[in-house]
Amino acid sequence: MPAHRAPEPDNRVRDAERTKRCLLEAALEEFAARGYAGARVGDIAERAGVNKQLITYYFGGKEGLYQAMPQRWLERESTIGDPALPLTEVVTNYLRDVLHDPRGVRLLMWRGLSDPSPHVDHPITAEDVADTERRQELGEIAADLDPAAFRLAVLGMVVVPVLLSAQVRELFGMDARSEDFERHYGEQLRRILAHLTDSRSEREIS
């Protein structure tokens, strides 16, 4: 009988990376649906198709798995939030992303509720504020707007269709995840942002 050979190092690395990706994808599904407290390690492992001991092996447990998720978002965010794009394009890219895959928004909402999720370092906020300041210097955003307030307001406009889908239907007569709504609401966001490039001072506005 031929001896079984151990996997080559490169194959082991690929297998490990594939397993971690599967676990992170399964974790996003479970945490988005049930929150940190409600998600179970066994369910995450079952969804990923691996032994639950691998969660401890690769991430140190449930908390480590949860804290690894922002890095996954950073990789995804880099494909939709290119700083070289006009702000209107960036915002409509985010809108398209959350309408097609609302799990990230649901995860954020769990964090904002009573779910006792662990602290997660999230560098996106600081980078977003810096990007707003850069765009203000370029004249793309009105200079008299507070960058943090602006980012929060834009974030709210992007995620609210996911959170208030019933109100979307009542107001627009469309499903929040339909192509018609995405097209119509995306165009309205473009127009709103265009108005926010007006650099009149607070004195002139008042």
Protein backbone atom coordinates (compact mmCIF):
# COMPACT_ATOMS: atom_id res chain seq x y z
CA MET A 1 0.00 0.00 0.00
CA PRO A 2 1.49 3.38 -0.97
CA ALA A 3 2.28 5.75 1.88
CA HIS A 4 0.14 8.85 2.17
CA ARG A 5 2.13 11.98 1.49
CA ALA A 6 1.64 15.11 3.54
CA PRO A 7 0.24 18.05 1.56
CA GLU A 8 2.79 20.37 0.05
CA PRO A 9 3.30 23.62 2.05
CA ASP A 10 1.66 25.71 -0.67
CA ASN A 11 -1.40 23.46 -0.65
CA ARG A 12 -1.64 23.69 3.14
CA VAL A 13 -1.56 27.49 2.93
CA ARG A 14 -4.27 27.52 0.26
CA ASP A 15 -6.41 25.14 2.28
CA ALA A 16 -6.01 27.27 5.39
CA GLU A 17 -6.91 30.45 3.53
CA ARG A 18 -9.92 28.78 1.95
CA THR A 19 -11.10 27.52 5.35
CA LYS A 20 -10.73 30.97 6.90
CA ARG A 21 -12.66 32.58 4.04
CA CYS A 22 -15.45 30.03 4.47
CA LEU A 23 -15.59 30.68 8.21
CA LEU A 24 -15.68 34.45 7.75
CA GLU A 25 -18.47 34.18 5.19
CA ALA A 26 -20.45 31.87 7.46
CA ALA A 27 -19.81 34.15 10.44
CA LEU A 28 -21.11 37.18 8.55
CA GLU A 29 -24.29 35.27 7.76
CA GLU A 30 -24.83 34.15 11.37
CA PHE A 31 -23.83 37.39 13.10
CA ALA A 32 -25.98 39.44 10.71
CA ALA A 33 -28.98 37.22 11.33
CA ARG A 34 -28.65 36.64 15.08
CA GLY A 35 -26.21 39.18 16.47
CA TYR A 36 -23.07 38.31 18.39
CA ALA A 37 -24.89 36.92 21.40
CA GLY A 38 -27.29 34.79 19.38
CA ALA A 39 -24.77 33.35 16.92
CA ARG A 40 -23.43 29.90 17.83
CA VAL A 41 -20.01 28.57 16.99
CA GLY A 42 -21.46 25.22 15.99
CA ASP A 43 -23.86 26.84 13.53
CA ILE A 44 -21.09 28.92 11.99
CA ALA A 45 -18.88 25.85 11.55
CA GLU A 46 -21.75 23.82 10.12
CA ARG A 47 -22.56 26.55 7.61
CA ALA A 48 -18.88 26.70 6.63
CA GLY A 49 -18.70 22.91 6.35
CA VAL A 50 -15.80 22.54 8.79
CA ASN A 51 -15.13 21.29 12.31
CA LYS A 52 -15.93 23.94 14.90
CA GLN A 53 -12.52 23.41 16.52
CA LEU A 54 -11.04 25.22 13.53
CA ILE A 55 -12.65 28.45 14.73
CA THR A 56 -10.47 28.24 17.82
CA TYR A 57 -7.46 27.13 15.79
CA TYR A 58 -7.60 29.99 13.29
CA PHE A 59 -9.29 32.77 15.24
CA GLY A 60 -8.96 31.89 18.93
CA GLY A 61 -12.72 31.43 19.32
CA LYS A 62 -15.97 33.23 18.61
CA GLU A 63 -14.73 36.67 19.70
CA GLY A 64 -11.61 36.45 17.56
CA LEU A 65 -13.71 35.43 14.57
CA TYR A 66 -15.99 38.41 15.12
CA GLN A 67 -13.05 40.79 15.42
CA ALA A 68 -11.55 39.47 12.18
CA MET A 69 -14.56 40.54 10.16
CA PRO A 70 -13.62 44.24 9.66
CA GLN A 71 -10.54 43.16 7.69
CA ARG A 72 -12.84 41.27 5.36
CA TRP A 73 -14.88 44.43 4.92
CA LEU A 74 -11.76 46.49 4.20
CA GLU A 75 -10.89 44.14 1.36
CA ARG A 76 -14.40 44.42 -0.04
CA GLU A 77 -14.57 48.19 0.53
CA SER A 78 -11.46 48.76 -1.55
CA THR A 79 -13.37 47.61 -4.63
CA ILE A 80 -16.28 50.05 -4.21
CA GLY A 81 -14.83 53.10 -2.43
CA ASP A 82 -12.01 54.18 -4.73
CA PRO A 83 -10.93 57.68 -3.55
CA ALA A 84 -10.19 58.62 -7.16
CA LEU A 85 -13.87 58.33 -8.09
CA PRO A 86 -16.26 61.28 -7.78
CA LEU A 87 -18.18 61.27 -4.50
CA THR A 88 -21.48 60.63 -6.27
CA GLU A 89 -20.04 57.47 -7.82
CA VAL A 90 -18.66 56.26 -4.48
CA VAL A 91 -21.99 56.78 -2.72
CA THR A 92 -24.04 55.06 -5.41
CA ASN A 93 -21.52 52.18 -5.37
CA TYR A 94 -22.14 51.79 -1.64
CA LEU A 95 -25.88 51.99 -2.19
CA ARG A 96 -25.72 49.23 -4.80
CA ASP A 97 -23.59 47.11 -2.48
CA VAL A 98 -25.88 47.36 0.55
CA LEU A 99 -29.02 46.76 -1.51
CA HIS A 100 -27.53 43.65 -3.06
CA ASP A 101 -26.00 42.37 0.19
CA PRO A 102 -27.53 43.93 3.34
CA ARG A 103 -25.73 41.68 5.81
CA GLY A 104 -23.10 44.28 6.69
CA VAL A 105 -25.78 46.84 7.52
CA ARG A 106 -27.62 44.32 9.69
CA LEU A 107 -24.39 43.58 11.52
CA LEU A 108 -23.91 47.29 12.22
CA MET A 109 -27.45 47.53 13.56
CA TRP A 110 -26.88 44.64 15.94
CA ARG A 111 -23.85 46.52 17.29
CA GLY A 112 -26.00 49.59 17.85
CA LEU A 113 -28.69 47.70 19.75
CA SER A 114 -28.35 45.81 23.01
CA ASP A 115 -26.26 43.03 21.50
CA PRO A 116 -23.18 42.66 23.73
CA SER A 117 -20.71 42.37 20.87
CA PRO A 118 -17.00 42.85 21.63
CA HIS A 119 -15.18 46.02 20.71
CA VAL A 120 -13.89 46.03 17.16
CA ASP A 121 -11.21 48.39 15.89
CA HIS A 122 -12.65 49.94 12.77
CA PRO A 123 -10.22 52.19 10.85
CA ILE A 124 -12.78 53.05 8.15
CA THR A 125 -14.35 55.90 10.13
CA ALA A 126 -11.11 57.88 10.46
CA GLU A 127 -10.23 57.24 6.83
CA ASP A 128 -13.69 58.36 5.71
CA VAL A 129 -13.40 61.64 7.62
CA ALA A 130 -9.97 62.25 6.10
CA ASP A 131 -11.39 61.56 2.64
CA THR A 132 -14.19 64.07 3.27
CA GLU A 133 -11.65 66.71 4.29
CA ARG A 134 -9.67 66.01 1.13
CA ARG A 135 -12.79 66.36 -1.01
CA GLN A 136 -13.61 69.62 0.76
CA GLU A 137 -10.20 70.99 -0.16
CA LEU A 138 -10.93 70.04 -3.78
CA GLY A 139 -14.27 71.83 -3.65
CA GLU A 140 -16.28 68.63 -4.05
CA ILE A 141 -18.04 69.13 -0.70
CA ALA A 142 -19.08 72.44 0.85
CA ALA A 143 -16.32 73.72 3.15
CA ASP A 144 -18.71 74.75 5.94
CA LEU A 145 -19.92 71.19 6.57
CA ASP A 146 -18.48 69.21 9.46
CA PRO A 147 -16.76 66.17 7.88
CA ALA A 148 -17.93 63.72 10.55
CA ALA A 149 -21.53 64.96 10.38
CA PHE A 150 -21.43 64.79 6.59
CA ARG A 151 -20.19 61.17 6.58
CA LEU A 152 -22.80 60.15 9.14
CA ALA A 153 -25.59 61.78 7.12
CA VAL A 154 -24.46 60.11 3.90
CA LEU A 155 -24.15 56.76 5.66
CA GLY A 156 -27.70 57.17 6.92
CA MET A 157 -28.99 57.94 3.42
CA VAL A 158 -27.27 54.84 2.04
CA VAL A 159 -28.36 52.30 4.66
CA VAL A 160 -31.88 53.52 5.47
CA PRO A 161 -33.56 51.61 2.59
CA VAL A 162 -32.33 48.36 4.15
CA LEU A 163 -33.48 49.32 7.64
CA LEU A 164 -36.83 50.81 6.63
CA SER A 165 -37.84 48.64 3.69
CA ALA A 166 -41.55 48.86 4.59
CA GLN A 167 -41.37 52.65 4.49
CA VAL A 168 -39.62 52.48 1.12
CA ARG A 169 -42.57 50.56 -0.27
CA GLU A 170 -45.04 53.02 1.24
CA LEU A 171 -43.18 56.11 0.02
CA PHE A 172 -42.01 54.95 -3.39
CA GLY A 173 -44.33 52.08 -4.23
CA MET A 174 -41.28 49.92 -4.94
CA ASP A 175 -39.40 47.11 -3.29
CA ALA A 176 -36.19 48.42 -1.68
CA ARG A 177 -34.11 45.76 -3.43
CA SER A 178 -35.62 46.22 -6.87
CA GLU A 179 -33.66 47.59 -9.81
CA ASP A 180 -36.23 50.38 -10.24
CA PHE A 181 -35.70 51.61 -6.68
CA GLU A 182 -31.92 51.34 -6.91
CA ARG A 183 -31.93 53.40 -10.10
CA HIS A 184 -34.41 56.03 -8.86
CA TYR A 185 -33.01 56.44 -5.35
CA GLY A 186 -29.43 56.40 -6.63
CA GLU A 187 -30.23 59.29 -8.95
CA GLN A 188 -31.83 61.21 -6.08
CA LEU A 189 -28.70 60.69 -3.96
CA ARG A 190 -26.63 62.10 -6.79
CA ARG A 191 -28.81 65.21 -6.88
CA ILE A 192 -28.72 65.66 -3.11
CA LEU A 193 -24.93 65.41 -3.08
CA ALA A 194 -24.69 67.85 -5.97
CA HIS A 195 -26.54 70.43 -3.86
CA LEU A 196 -24.08 69.86 -1.02
CA THR A 197 -21.23 71.13 -3.16
CA ASP A 198 -22.67 74.65 -2.69
CA SER A 199 -19.99 76.37 -0.61
CA ARG A 200 -22.06 79.24 0.75
CA SER A 201 -21.17 80.15 4.30
CA GLU A 202 -23.50 79.55 7.23
CA ARG A 203 -24.07 83.31 7.41
CA GLU A 204 -25.35 83.41 3.83
CA ILE A 205 -27.52 80.34 4.35
CA SER A 206 -29.11 81.75 7.50
